Amino acid sequence: MTTSESPIKPDNRRSFSDDLATLWPGIPYLGLGVWFSWVFVAFSGTFWLSDVETAGGPLSLMHMTSFSACALVLLAAPGLPKKLRCLLTTNASVLCAGFIVMLGSLLIILAGPYYLHKPPLFYVGGILAGIGIAAFTLKCGELLGSVQPWRALIYALLSQLIVVIIFFFVLGNLRFHPIPGGPSLGGILALMFLPLIAALLLSIKPPRSSLQTDAQSTSPYAQSVKALSSVFWKFLTAIFVFTLTTSIVRGVYTNTNAPSTLLSGATSQILVRALFFVALLLLTIRFFKFINFGKPYLFFMGLIAVIVALSPLLQGYIPRLAIVISFSLSIFDITIWCLLAFIVFEKRISPIIVFGFGRGVFMTGSTLGWIIGTQLMPRIIDSNLEHGAYIAMAILILVSITLVFSEKDFASLFAAISEIELDLEGISIESAGDLPRQVRAATPSGSTVGAGAANGMDDASRERPYLTACTNVGKRARLSKREQHILELLALGRGSENIAKRLSISLNTVRTHTHNIYAKLGVHSRQELIELIEQNRNAIT
């Protein structure tokens, strides 16, 4: 038996989680959905409140306590020494965070009137939850920032569907109460064990195949805050303004409504979110090829400005307005997650720096908004200054999207990713980064396919059977020299953004050439193109 025919020995050093991740590369990213579910259950519902509560004061207090602790940790993280920063996203840290949030949730429940009735425990529990939220945030940021933008977007959208599923599962198990009048057993278990489940999932290391493996992604992260541009800080200012104003409105609504009304509003919001994300996924899979993030940014910011300005005139519709604002904030929130992940991936800046400042500013704006909404706004309303306050907030939002961080600034910061090309077929690719399976099979062991593509497909690369097949297919279809070059890059699994950079042409030019290539070859997708090339390669060999 030759060496090449020797059986492959199993790697006894592989853990069960490694095998599981290999079989299902996306399983670590399920932790995103489970974690976001805990956040929604804890801060948008009333699953841990007792029946003696007549308003949402305790819920507001939990927001302020947990978010302030989270903001402090996140904003401090980028300033820590490099060795300490690296420890924040280790598996041990995320598991520890899961237990910390679990303990914090237990203390919040025990602090209620039907258990120990110890208010200090509530503050301790809220602070512990906030610290755990910060650790989870950095870990999730590291995961999302390690994959291509389109992949991060898909995982973020799928995570929101997991939120919907878990929310309604918890909502359907609220009948049994360990103590009559106290929180339900389903709410208690969800609040305590969802963080632990999320930590276990997030601690699974994604297989190398699910990550980008080209020179860009394997280059080290910039560890200095100086790597952040001035436009990034303007972006954070816009984030702060948006979260501040929307949290003020949510604070007023939460503090003045009964828990049953809040739960009804949370249920309505989650239904709207479910419809929105399902529709977005279906449209993305069926119709959309590109998603532009600049337009939704302006749309949601402008929409919220109008709603905030009209809030005093629509008092009879306050519950519905609160649902719209909460829904818009959730869309803005998930958009911020994606955009920060894109910055990490494209700019090669440490996720702890990007997400530390990005999510830290988000949490700071939320904290201040809840404080103003629950403490200051009641006095403003009593002084008949409510209209002026809401108009001032609306103007603040409009100023932030026109002067502070405009669409031009958005395009500047996200120049390389202003439009995300969706490659849903790539989700199932198992190895060699984004290279199609047929390309990997055609590539000699130890060779670097990307190097040939990067150097303009040198003569040596063209001699490979796979690229020879590309040449033959291109000649038969009478492709131009530029189209032939793009065909070879497409066949090698390069995305439009990558091709545009390599050839120093615009993204729209790449799309036009790609459309023409598909038409001349009689194919309708990247997969059909690869299959056509593979058929010709088999004929050659």
Protein backbone atom coordinates (compact mmCIF):
# COMPACT_ATOMS: atom_id res chain seq x y z
CA MET A 1 0.00 0.00 0.00
CA THR A 2 1.42 3.37 -1.01
CA THR A 3 1.62 6.35 1.26
CA SER A 4 -1.18 8.10 -0.60
CA GLU A 5 -3.43 5.10 0.01
CA SER A 6 -2.80 4.89 3.73
CA PRO A 7 -5.92 5.25 5.81
CA ILE A 8 -6.32 8.55 7.58
CA LYS A 9 -5.98 8.12 11.30
CA PRO A 10 -8.58 9.85 13.42
CA ASP A 11 -7.39 12.86 15.35
CA ASN A 12 -7.87 11.83 18.97
CA ARG A 13 -7.17 15.36 20.07
CA ARG A 14 -10.40 16.62 18.54
CA SER A 15 -13.16 17.34 21.01
CA PHE A 16 -16.84 16.59 20.60
CA SER A 17 -17.50 20.29 20.00
CA ASP A 18 -14.92 20.28 17.18
CA ASP A 19 -16.66 17.36 15.51
CA LEU A 20 -20.03 19.03 15.96
CA ALA A 21 -18.76 22.28 14.43
CA THR A 22 -17.30 20.36 11.50
CA LEU A 23 -20.63 18.67 10.80
CA TRP A 24 -22.55 21.92 11.30
CA PRO A 25 -20.23 24.93 10.77
CA GLY A 26 -22.92 27.43 11.71
CA ILE A 27 -23.65 26.01 15.16
CA PRO A 28 -21.43 28.47 17.11
CA TYR A 29 -23.43 31.30 15.56
CA LEU A 30 -26.66 29.89 17.02
CA GLY A 31 -25.29 31.32 20.24
CA LEU A 32 -25.96 34.78 18.80
CA GLY A 33 -29.67 34.02 18.56
CA VAL A 34 -29.85 32.44 22.00
CA TRP A 35 -28.01 35.38 23.52
CA PHE A 36 -30.18 37.98 21.75
CA SER A 37 -33.20 35.98 23.00
CA TRP A 38 -32.10 36.39 26.61
CA VAL A 39 -31.66 40.13 26.09
CA PHE A 40 -35.17 40.43 24.66
CA VAL A 41 -36.74 38.26 27.36
CA ALA A 42 -34.94 40.17 30.13
CA PHE A 43 -35.41 43.74 28.88
CA SER A 44 -38.46 43.76 26.64
CA GLY A 45 -40.82 41.44 28.47
CA THR A 46 -42.05 41.12 32.04
CA PHE A 47 -41.20 37.50 32.69
CA TRP A 48 -39.44 38.16 35.99
CA LEU A 49 -41.90 40.71 37.45
CA SER A 50 -44.44 39.89 40.17
CA ASP A 51 -48.15 40.67 40.04
CA VAL A 52 -47.80 43.42 42.67
CA GLU A 53 -46.08 45.66 40.11
CA THR A 54 -48.48 48.24 38.67
CA ALA A 55 -46.01 49.86 36.25
CA GLY A 56 -42.74 49.11 34.53
CA GLY A 57 -40.52 50.89 37.06
CA PRO A 58 -38.47 47.76 37.92
CA LEU A 59 -37.96 47.08 34.21
CA SER A 60 -36.65 50.63 33.72
CA LEU A 61 -34.40 50.21 36.74
CA MET A 62 -32.95 47.01 35.30
CA HIS A 63 -32.20 48.81 32.04
CA MET A 64 -30.36 51.60 33.81
CA THR A 65 -28.42 49.33 36.18
CA SER A 66 -27.36 46.66 33.67
CA PHE A 67 -26.72 48.96 30.72
CA SER A 68 -24.59 51.36 32.76
CA ALA A 69 -22.41 48.49 34.04
CA CYS A 70 -22.16 47.08 30.53
CA ALA A 71 -21.22 50.47 29.06
CA LEU A 72 -18.44 50.98 31.61
CA VAL A 73 -16.89 47.57 30.89
CA LEU A 74 -17.12 47.97 27.11
CA LEU A 75 -15.67 51.47 27.04
CA ALA A 76 -12.83 50.39 29.35
CA ALA A 77 -11.97 47.24 27.35
CA PRO A 78 -10.11 48.98 24.46
CA GLY A 79 -7.80 50.68 26.96
CA LEU A 80 -6.70 47.47 28.66
CA PRO A 81 -3.25 45.98 27.98
CA LYS A 82 -3.18 43.69 24.96
CA LYS A 83 -2.80 40.51 27.04
CA LEU A 84 -5.85 41.34 29.14
CA ARG A 85 -7.84 42.20 26.03
CA CYS A 86 -7.09 38.79 24.55
CA LEU A 87 -8.49 37.12 27.67
CA LEU A 88 -11.86 38.84 27.26
CA THR A 89 -12.90 36.71 24.27
CA THR A 90 -11.52 33.32 25.31
CA ASN A 91 -13.85 30.37 25.80
CA ALA A 92 -13.19 30.49 29.54
CA SER A 93 -14.29 34.12 29.63
CA VAL A 94 -17.52 33.55 27.74
CA LEU A 95 -18.40 30.54 29.94
CA CYS A 96 -17.64 32.62 33.00
CA ALA A 97 -19.86 35.37 31.59
CA GLY A 98 -22.67 32.85 31.18
CA PHE A 99 -22.48 31.93 34.86
CA ILE A 100 -22.24 35.60 35.87
CA VAL A 101 -25.42 36.48 33.97
CA MET A 102 -27.08 33.38 35.36
CA LEU A 103 -26.20 34.46 38.91
CA GLY A 104 -27.32 38.03 38.21
CA SER A 105 -30.67 36.78 36.90
CA LEU A 106 -31.15 34.64 40.01
CA LEU A 107 -30.45 37.62 42.29
CA ILE A 108 -32.92 39.81 40.38
CA ILE A 109 -35.64 37.20 40.84
CA LEU A 110 -34.83 36.61 44.52
CA ALA A 111 -34.95 40.35 45.17
CA GLY A 112 -38.67 40.37 44.33
CA PRO A 113 -41.47 40.74 46.89
CA TYR A 114 -42.42 37.05 46.86
CA TYR A 115 -38.92 35.80 47.64
CA LEU A 116 -36.25 37.54 49.75
CA HIS A 117 -37.55 41.06 49.07
CA LYS A 118 -34.05 42.55 49.25
CA PRO A 119 -33.73 45.56 46.91
CA PRO A 120 -29.90 45.64 47.21
CA LEU A 121 -29.82 42.18 45.61
CA PHE A 122 -31.58 43.66 42.60
CA TYR A 123 -28.80 46.19 42.01
CA VAL A 124 -26.10 43.55 42.46
CA GLY A 125 -27.92 41.26 40.04
CA GLY A 126 -28.31 44.05 37.50
CA ILE A 127 -24.61 44.95 37.69
CA LEU A 128 -23.57 41.31 37.28
CA ALA A 129 -25.89 40.98 34.29
CA GLY A 130 -24.35 44.10 32.76
CA ILE A 131 -20.81 42.76 33.17
CA GLY A 132 -21.84 39.49 31.54
CA ILE A 133 -23.55 41.36 28.69
CA ALA A 134 -20.27 43.16 27.97
CA ALA A 135 -18.32 39.89 27.78
CA PHE A 136 -20.94 38.33 25.50
CA THR A 137 -20.89 41.44 23.31
CA LEU A 138 -17.14 41.21 22.74
CA LYS A 139 -17.33 37.48 21.97
CA CYS A 140 -20.20 37.92 19.53
CA GLY A 141 -18.32 40.80 17.93
CA GLU A 142 -15.27 38.62 17.46
CA LEU A 143 -17.36 35.90 15.79
CA LEU A 144 -19.21 38.23 13.43
CA GLY A 145 -16.08 40.18 12.60
CA SER A 146 -14.20 37.04 11.56
CA VAL A 147 -16.43 36.20 8.60
CA GLN A 148 -17.23 37.86 5.31
CA PRO A 149 -19.83 40.67 5.45
CA TRP A 150 -22.50 38.67 3.62
CA ARG A 151 -22.01 35.75 6.00
CA ALA A 152 -22.22 38.03 9.05
CA LEU A 153 -25.45 39.49 7.67
CA ILE A 154 -27.04 36.07 7.17
CA TYR A 155 -26.09 34.94 10.68
CA ALA A 156 -27.47 38.17 12.15
CA LEU A 157 -30.79 37.74 10.34
CA LEU A 158 -31.09 34.08 11.35
CA SER A 159 -30.34 35.01 14.97
CA GLN A 160 -33.41 37.24 14.99
CA LEU A 161 -35.60 34.35 13.92
CA ILE A 162 -34.22 32.36 16.84
CA VAL A 163 -35.26 35.25 19.11
CA VAL A 164 -38.83 34.96 17.85
CA ILE A 165 -38.94 31.18 18.38
CA ILE A 166 -37.53 31.31 21.91
CA PHE A 167 -39.73 34.25 22.94
CA PHE A 168 -42.94 32.48 22.01
CA PHE A 169 -41.70 29.24 23.57
CA VAL A 170 -41.16 31.08 26.86
CA LEU A 171 -44.46 32.95 26.48
CA GLY A 172 -46.29 29.65 26.13
CA ASN A 173 -44.86 28.30 29.38
CA LEU A 174 -45.95 30.94 31.89
CA ARG A 175 -48.77 29.06 33.59
CA PHE A 176 -46.96 27.44 36.51
CA HIS A 177 -45.75 29.77 39.27
CA PRO A 178 -43.58 28.38 42.11
CA ILE A 179 -45.13 31.04 44.35
CA PRO A 180 -48.60 32.38 43.44
CA GLY A 181 -48.23 35.93 42.18
CA GLY A 182 -44.51 35.61 41.59
CA PRO A 183 -42.62 35.03 38.34
CA SER A 184 -43.50 31.92 36.35
CA LEU A 185 -41.21 28.91 36.34
CA GLY A 186 -40.81 29.23 32.57
CA GLY A 187 -39.67 32.85 32.92
CA ILE A 188 -37.26 31.96 35.73
CA LEU A 189 -35.68 29.08 33.81
CA ALA A 190 -35.38 31.14 30.62
CA LEU A 191 -33.76 34.06 32.43
CA MET A 192 -31.27 31.81 34.19
CA PHE A 193 -30.34 29.18 31.61
CA LEU A 194 -30.45 30.98 28.25
CA PRO A 195 -27.13 32.76 29.04
CA LEU A 196 -25.50 29.42 29.88
CA ILE A 197 -26.75 27.81 26.66
CA ALA A 198 -25.54 30.81 24.67
CA ALA A 199 -22.12 30.61 26.35
CA LEU A 200 -21.77 26.92 25.51
CA LEU A 201 -22.62 27.55 21.86
CA LEU A 202 -20.39 30.62 21.53
CA SER A 203 -17.47 28.76 23.08
CA ILE A 204 -17.48 26.23 20.22
CA LYS A 205 -14.71 27.20 17.85
CA PRO A 206 -15.98 27.61 14.28
CA PRO A 207 -14.13 25.38 11.80
CA ARG A 208 -11.44 27.15 9.87
CA SER A 209 -13.45 26.52 6.72
CA SER A 210 -16.20 28.91 7.80
CA LEU A 211 -13.76 31.80 8.03
CA GLN A 212 -12.15 33.85 5.32
CA THR A 213 -8.69 32.40 4.66
CA ASP A 214 -7.15 34.87 2.24
CA ALA A 215 -4.28 37.20 3.14
CA GLN A 216 -6.63 39.90 4.35
CA SER A 217 -8.31 37.88 7.08
CA THR A 218 -5.14 36.18 8.26
CA SER A 219 -3.32 39.49 8.72
CA PRO A 220 -3.11 40.60 12.36
CA TYR A 221 -5.62 43.01 13.83
CA ALA A 222 -4.56 46.60 14.49
CA GLN A 223 -4.47 46.92 18.27
CA SER A 224 -4.22 50.71 18.54
CA VAL A 225 -7.16 53.06 19.03
CA LYS A 226 -5.38 55.37 16.58
CA ALA A 227 -6.38 52.98 13.80
CA LEU A 228 -9.94 54.31 14.11
CA SER A 229 -10.70 57.13 11.69
CA SER A 230 -12.45 60.40 12.48
CA VAL A 231 -15.45 59.21 10.46
CA PHE A 232 -15.79 56.26 12.85
CA TRP A 233 -16.20 58.65 15.78
CA LYS A 234 -18.84 60.57 13.84
CA PHE A 235 -20.60 57.25 13.29
CA LEU A 236 -20.55 56.63 17.04
CA THR A 237 -22.03 60.09 17.61
CA ALA A 238 -24.97 59.18 15.36
CA ILE A 239 -25.40 55.91 17.26
CA PHE A 240 -25.43 57.78 20.56
CA VAL A 241 -28.03 60.30 19.38
CA PHE A 242 -30.34 57.64 18.01
CA THR A 243 -30.22 55.37 21.06
CA LEU A 244 -30.53 58.35 23.42
CA THR A 245 -33.71 59.69 21.83
CA THR A 246 -35.41 56.34 21.30
CA SER A 247 -34.59 55.22 24.85
CA ILE A 248 -36.14 58.41 26.22
CA VAL A 249 -39.41 57.59 24.50
CA ARG A 250 -39.25 53.95 25.60
CA GLY A 251 -38.48 55.00 29.17
CA VAL A 252 -41.55 57.23 29.31
CA TYR A 253 -43.74 54.46 27.87
CA THR A 254 -42.38 51.72 30.15
CA ASN A 255 -42.56 53.76 33.34
CA THR A 256 -46.22 54.72 32.82
CA ASN A 257 -47.78 51.43 31.71
CA ALA A 258 -48.80 48.25 33.50
CA PRO A 259 -46.77 45.06 33.04
CA SER A 260 -49.62 43.43 31.14
CA THR A 261 -49.58 46.31 28.64
CA LEU A 262 -45.80 46.06 28.31
CA LEU A 263 -45.99 42.31 27.68
CA SER A 264 -48.68 42.86 25.05
CA GLY A 265 -46.50 45.49 23.39
CA ALA A 266 -43.47 43.17 23.45
CA THR A 267 -45.55 40.40 21.87
CA SER A 268 -46.78 42.73 19.13
CA GLN A 269 -43.24 43.94 18.50
CA ILE A 270 -41.86 40.42 18.21
CA LEU A 271 -44.61 39.54 15.73
CA VAL A 272 -43.68 42.55 13.60
CA ARG A 273 -40.01 41.55 13.85
CA ALA A 274 -40.85 37.99 12.80
CA LEU A 275 -42.74 39.16 9.72
CA PHE A 276 -40.01 41.64 8.82
CA PHE A 277 -37.07 39.26 9.10
CA VAL A 278 -38.85 36.37 7.40
CA ALA A 279 -39.83 38.67 4.54
CA LEU A 280 -36.28 40.05 4.34
CA LEU A 281 -34.77 36.56 4.21
CA LEU A 282 -37.23 35.39 1.56
CA LEU A 283 -36.69 38.48 -0.56
CA THR A 284 -32.95 38.15 -0.14
CA ILE A 285 -32.92 34.50 -1.18
CA ARG A 286 -35.40 34.89 -4.01
CA PHE A 287 -34.90 38.34 -5.47
CA PHE A 288 -32.14 40.45 -3.93
CA LYS A 289 -28.52 40.00 -4.87
CA PHE A 290 -27.20 43.10 -3.14
CA ILE A 291 -28.22 44.88 0.04
CA ASN A 292 -27.30 48.53 0.51
CA PHE A 293 -27.04 49.55 4.17
CA GLY A 294 -26.85 53.29 3.55
CA LYS A 295 -30.49 53.66 2.56
CA PRO A 296 -31.99 51.78 5.56
CA TYR A 297 -29.77 53.87 7.85
CA LEU A 298 -31.25 57.13 6.53
CA PHE A 299 -34.77 55.73 6.36
CA PHE A 300 -34.97 54.50 9.95
CA MET A 301 -33.29 57.57 11.37
CA GLY A 302 -35.68 59.84 9.45
CA LEU A 303 -38.71 57.74 10.38
CA ILE A 304 -37.89 57.88 14.07
CA ALA A 305 -37.36 61.65 13.87
CA VAL A 306 -40.89 62.09 12.48
CA ILE A 307 -42.45 59.73 15.05
CA VAL A 308 -40.67 61.41 17.96
CA ALA A 309 -41.72 64.87 16.78
CA LEU A 310 -45.38 63.79 16.46
CA SER A 311 -45.53 61.81 19.72
CA PRO A 312 -47.26 64.58 21.77
CA LEU A 313 -49.94 64.96 19.08
CA LEU A 314 -50.68 61.23 19.00
CA GLN A 315 -51.29 60.51 22.66
CA GLY A 316 -54.08 58.08 21.84
CA TYR A 317 -51.67 55.97 19.81
CA ILE A 318 -48.78 55.93 22.28
CA PRO A 319 -48.75 52.08 22.65
CA ARG A 320 -48.56 51.67 18.87
CA LEU A 321 -45.93 54.38 18.55
CA ALA A 322 -43.88 52.68 21.25
CA ILE A 323 -44.06 49.42 19.30
CA VAL A 324 -42.89 51.19 16.12
CA ILE A 325 -40.03 52.87 17.98
CA SER A 326 -38.98 49.64 19.69
CA PHE A 327 -39.14 47.81 16.37
CA SER A 328 -37.06 50.51 14.64
CA LEU A 329 -34.54 50.41 17.47
CA SER A 330 -34.25 46.63 17.12
CA ILE A 331 -33.60 47.00 13.37
CA PHE A 332 -31.08 49.74 14.06
CA ASP A 333 -29.49 47.57 16.75
CA ILE A 334 -28.94 44.57 14.49
CA THR A 335 -27.71 46.91 11.73
CA ILE A 336 -25.11 48.33 14.14
CA TRP A 337 -23.96 44.80 14.97
CA CYS A 338 -23.43 44.09 11.27
CA LEU A 339 -21.74 47.40 10.49
CA LEU A 340 -19.30 47.08 13.38
CA ALA A 341 -18.52 43.52 12.25
CA PHE A 342 -17.90 44.84 8.73
CA ILE A 343 -15.43 47.41 10.10
CA VAL A 344 -13.55 44.67 11.96
CA PHE A 345 -13.38 42.50 8.85
CA GLU A 346 -12.49 45.20 6.31
CA LYS A 347 -10.28 47.51 8.38
CA ARG A 348 -8.55 44.71 10.34
CA ILE A 349 -9.02 46.49 13.66
CA SER A 350 -9.34 44.51 16.90
CA PRO A 351 -12.99 43.56 17.57
CA ILE A 352 -12.47 44.52 21.20
CA ILE A 353 -11.64 48.07 20.12
CA VAL A 354 -14.41 48.37 17.53
CA PHE A 355 -17.17 46.68 19.55
CA GLY A 356 -15.88 48.08 22.84
CA PHE A 357 -16.40 51.63 21.65
CA GLY A 358 -19.29 50.91 19.27
CA ARG A 359 -21.50 48.93 21.63
CA GLY A 360 -20.23 50.91 24.61
CA VAL A 361 -21.55 54.13 23.08
CA PHE A 362 -24.80 52.35 22.22
CA MET A 363 -25.23 51.24 25.84
CA THR A 364 -24.29 54.69 27.15
CA GLY A 365 -26.92 56.33 24.97
CA SER A 366 -29.49 53.78 26.12
CA THR A 367 -28.64 54.31 29.79
CA LEU A 368 -28.86 58.10 29.61
CA GLY A 369 -32.05 57.83 27.57
CA TRP A 370 -33.74 55.64 30.19
CA ILE A 371 -32.61 57.98 32.97
CA ILE A 372 -34.00 61.03 31.18
CA GLY A 373 -37.18 59.20 30.17
CA THR A 374 -37.96 57.95 33.67
CA GLN A 375 -36.60 60.76 35.84
CA LEU A 376 -36.64 64.01 33.84
CA MET A 377 -39.43 63.62 31.30
CA PRO A 378 -42.23 63.32 33.91
CA ARG A 379 -41.25 66.78 35.19
CA ILE A 380 -41.11 68.18 31.66
CA ILE A 381 -44.56 66.75 30.94
CA ASP A 382 -45.93 68.27 34.15
CA SER A 383 -44.48 71.64 33.09
CA ASN A 384 -46.26 71.48 29.70
CA LEU A 385 -42.93 71.50 27.90
CA GLU A 386 -43.50 68.09 26.36
CA HIS A 387 -43.95 69.33 22.76
CA GLY A 388 -40.73 71.30 22.83
CA ALA A 389 -38.78 68.37 24.28
CA TYR A 390 -39.93 65.93 21.59
CA ILE A 391 -39.33 68.41 18.77
CA ALA A 392 -35.82 69.06 20.14
CA MET A 393 -35.12 65.31 20.08
CA ALA A 394 -36.39 65.05 16.50
CA ILE A 395 -34.15 67.95 15.44
CA LEU A 396 -31.22 66.27 17.15
CA ILE A 397 -31.76 63.12 15.08
CA LEU A 398 -32.05 65.09 11.84
CA VAL A 399 -28.88 67.02 12.62
CA SER A 400 -27.02 63.77 13.26
CA ILE A 401 -27.95 62.33 9.83
CA THR A 402 -27.36 65.55 7.88
CA LEU A 403 -24.40 67.23 9.54
CA VAL A 404 -22.75 64.79 11.94
CA PHE A 405 -22.86 61.50 10.02
CA SER A 406 -24.45 61.92 6.61
CA GLU A 407 -24.87 59.42 3.79
CA LYS A 408 -21.58 60.72 2.37
CA ASP A 409 -19.82 59.85 5.64
CA PHE A 410 -21.54 56.48 5.59
CA ALA A 411 -20.16 55.80 2.10
CA SER A 412 -16.71 56.93 3.24
CA LEU A 413 -16.59 54.63 6.27
CA PHE A 414 -18.12 51.65 4.50
CA ALA A 415 -16.75 52.27 1.01
CA ALA A 416 -15.80 48.63 0.48
CA ILE A 417 -19.00 47.23 1.96
CA SER A 418 -21.67 49.83 1.22
CA GLU A 419 -23.40 47.11 -0.76
CA ILE A 420 -23.15 43.53 0.46
CA GLU A 421 -23.17 40.85 -2.21
CA LEU A 422 -25.11 37.88 -0.91
CA ASP A 423 -23.66 34.44 -1.63
CA LEU A 424 -26.11 32.10 0.06
CA GLU A 425 -24.61 29.05 -1.60
CA GLY A 426 -21.36 29.84 0.19
CA ILE A 427 -22.93 29.04 3.55
CA SER A 428 -22.52 25.33 2.76
CA ILE A 429 -18.89 25.57 1.65
CA GLU A 430 -16.87 23.38 3.96
CA SER A 431 -13.24 24.22 3.41
CA ALA A 432 -10.62 26.41 1.74
CA GLY A 433 -12.35 29.64 2.64
CA ASP A 434 -14.72 30.68 -0.13
CA LEU A 435 -13.31 28.53 -2.94
CA PRO A 436 -15.90 26.26 -4.56
CA ARG A 437 -15.47 22.56 -3.98
CA GLN A 438 -14.77 21.92 -7.65
CA VAL A 439 -11.96 24.50 -7.60
CA ARG A 440 -10.39 22.92 -4.54
CA ALA A 441 -10.53 19.51 -6.20
CA ALA A 442 -8.82 20.97 -9.25
CA THR A 443 -6.06 22.65 -7.26
CA PRO A 444 -2.87 20.66 -6.65
CA SER A 445 -2.05 19.96 -3.03
CA GLY A 446 -0.01 22.69 -1.50
CA SER A 447 -0.59 25.21 -4.29
CA THR A 448 -2.02 28.65 -3.68
CA VAL A 449 -4.85 29.31 -6.09
CA GLY A 450 -5.39 32.84 -4.89
CA ALA A 451 -1.82 33.83 -5.63
CA GLY A 452 -2.23 33.12 -9.31
CA ALA A 453 -5.49 35.04 -9.43
CA ALA A 454 -3.92 37.95 -7.59
CA ASN A 455 -1.12 38.21 -10.12
CA GLY A 456 -3.45 38.44 -13.08
CA MET A 457 -3.61 34.71 -13.79
CA ASP A 458 -0.01 34.12 -14.83
CA ASP A 459 0.90 31.57 -17.49
CA ALA A 460 1.73 28.85 -14.98
CA SER A 461 -1.71 29.16 -13.40
CA ARG A 462 -3.38 28.97 -16.78
CA GLU A 463 -1.82 25.58 -17.41
CA ARG A 464 -3.91 24.03 -14.64
CA PRO A 465 -6.74 21.92 -16.06
CA TYR A 466 -9.39 23.95 -14.27
CA LEU A 467 -8.19 27.27 -15.65
CA THR A 468 -7.60 25.73 -19.05
CA ALA A 469 -11.26 24.75 -18.98
CA CYS A 470 -12.13 28.38 -18.21
CA THR A 471 -10.11 29.48 -21.23
CA ASN A 472 -11.83 26.96 -23.53
CA VAL A 473 -15.29 27.93 -22.29
CA GLY A 474 -14.49 31.61 -22.75
CA LYS A 475 -13.23 31.13 -26.30
CA ARG A 476 -16.35 29.20 -27.33
CA ALA A 477 -18.55 31.94 -25.85
CA ARG A 478 -16.40 34.61 -27.52
CA LEU A 479 -15.76 36.46 -24.30
CA SER A 480 -13.71 39.63 -24.38
CA LYS A 481 -10.31 39.71 -22.68
CA ARG A 482 -11.80 41.48 -19.64
CA GLU A 483 -14.75 39.09 -19.47
CA GLN A 484 -12.38 36.13 -19.71
CA HIS A 485 -10.36 37.43 -16.78
CA ILE A 486 -13.49 37.97 -14.69
CA LEU A 487 -14.77 34.50 -15.64
CA GLU A 488 -11.62 32.93 -14.23
CA LEU A 489 -11.92 34.91 -11.00
CA LEU A 490 -15.60 34.01 -10.68
CA ALA A 491 -14.77 30.35 -11.21
CA LEU A 492 -12.13 30.58 -8.49
CA GLY A 493 -14.78 31.70 -6.02
CA ARG A 494 -13.91 35.39 -5.91
CA GLY A 495 -16.73 37.74 -5.00
CA SER A 496 -17.57 40.88 -6.95
CA GLU A 497 -16.01 43.11 -4.29
CA ASN A 498 -12.79 41.10 -4.42
CA ILE A 499 -12.71 41.18 -8.23
CA ALA A 500 -13.25 44.94 -8.31
CA LYS A 501 -10.28 45.45 -5.99
CA ARG A 502 -8.01 43.09 -7.91
CA LEU A 503 -8.77 44.63 -11.30
CA SER A 504 -9.08 48.22 -10.02
CA ILE A 505 -12.54 48.66 -11.53
CA SER A 506 -15.84 49.70 -10.03
CA LEU A 507 -18.29 47.27 -8.48
CA ASN A 508 -20.94 48.22 -11.04
CA THR A 509 -18.53 47.38 -13.85
CA VAL A 510 -17.95 43.92 -12.36
CA ARG A 511 -21.70 43.36 -12.11
CA THR A 512 -22.20 44.39 -15.74
CA HIS A 513 -19.46 42.04 -16.96
CA THR A 514 -20.81 39.23 -14.77
CA HIS A 515 -24.29 39.68 -16.23
CA ASN A 516 -22.87 39.57 -19.76
CA ILE A 517 -20.80 36.46 -18.98
CA TYR A 518 -23.84 34.64 -17.60
CA ALA A 519 -25.83 35.59 -20.72
CA LYS A 520 -23.11 34.40 -23.14
CA LEU A 521 -22.60 31.13 -21.26
CA GLY A 522 -26.31 30.51 -20.80
CA VAL A 523 -26.09 30.16 -17.02
CA HIS A 524 -28.06 31.90 -14.29
CA SER A 525 -25.94 31.54 -11.16
CA ARG A 526 -22.40 31.09 -9.89
CA GLN A 527 -23.12 27.43 -9.18
CA GLU A 528 -24.22 26.77 -12.77
CA LEU A 529 -21.08 28.51 -14.03
CA ILE A 530 -18.86 26.32 -11.83
CA GLU A 531 -20.68 23.17 -12.98
CA LEU A 532 -20.11 24.20 -16.60
CA ILE A 533 -16.40 24.71 -16.01
CA GLU A 534 -16.19 21.40 -14.15
CA GLN A 535 -17.75 19.53 -17.06
CA ASN A 536 -15.15 20.97 -19.42
CA ARG A 537 -12.34 20.21 -16.99
CA ASN A 538 -13.41 16.56 -16.83
CA ALA A 539 -13.38 16.45 -20.63
CA ILE A 540 -9.81 17.77 -20.68
CA THR A 541 -8.46 15.37 -18.05
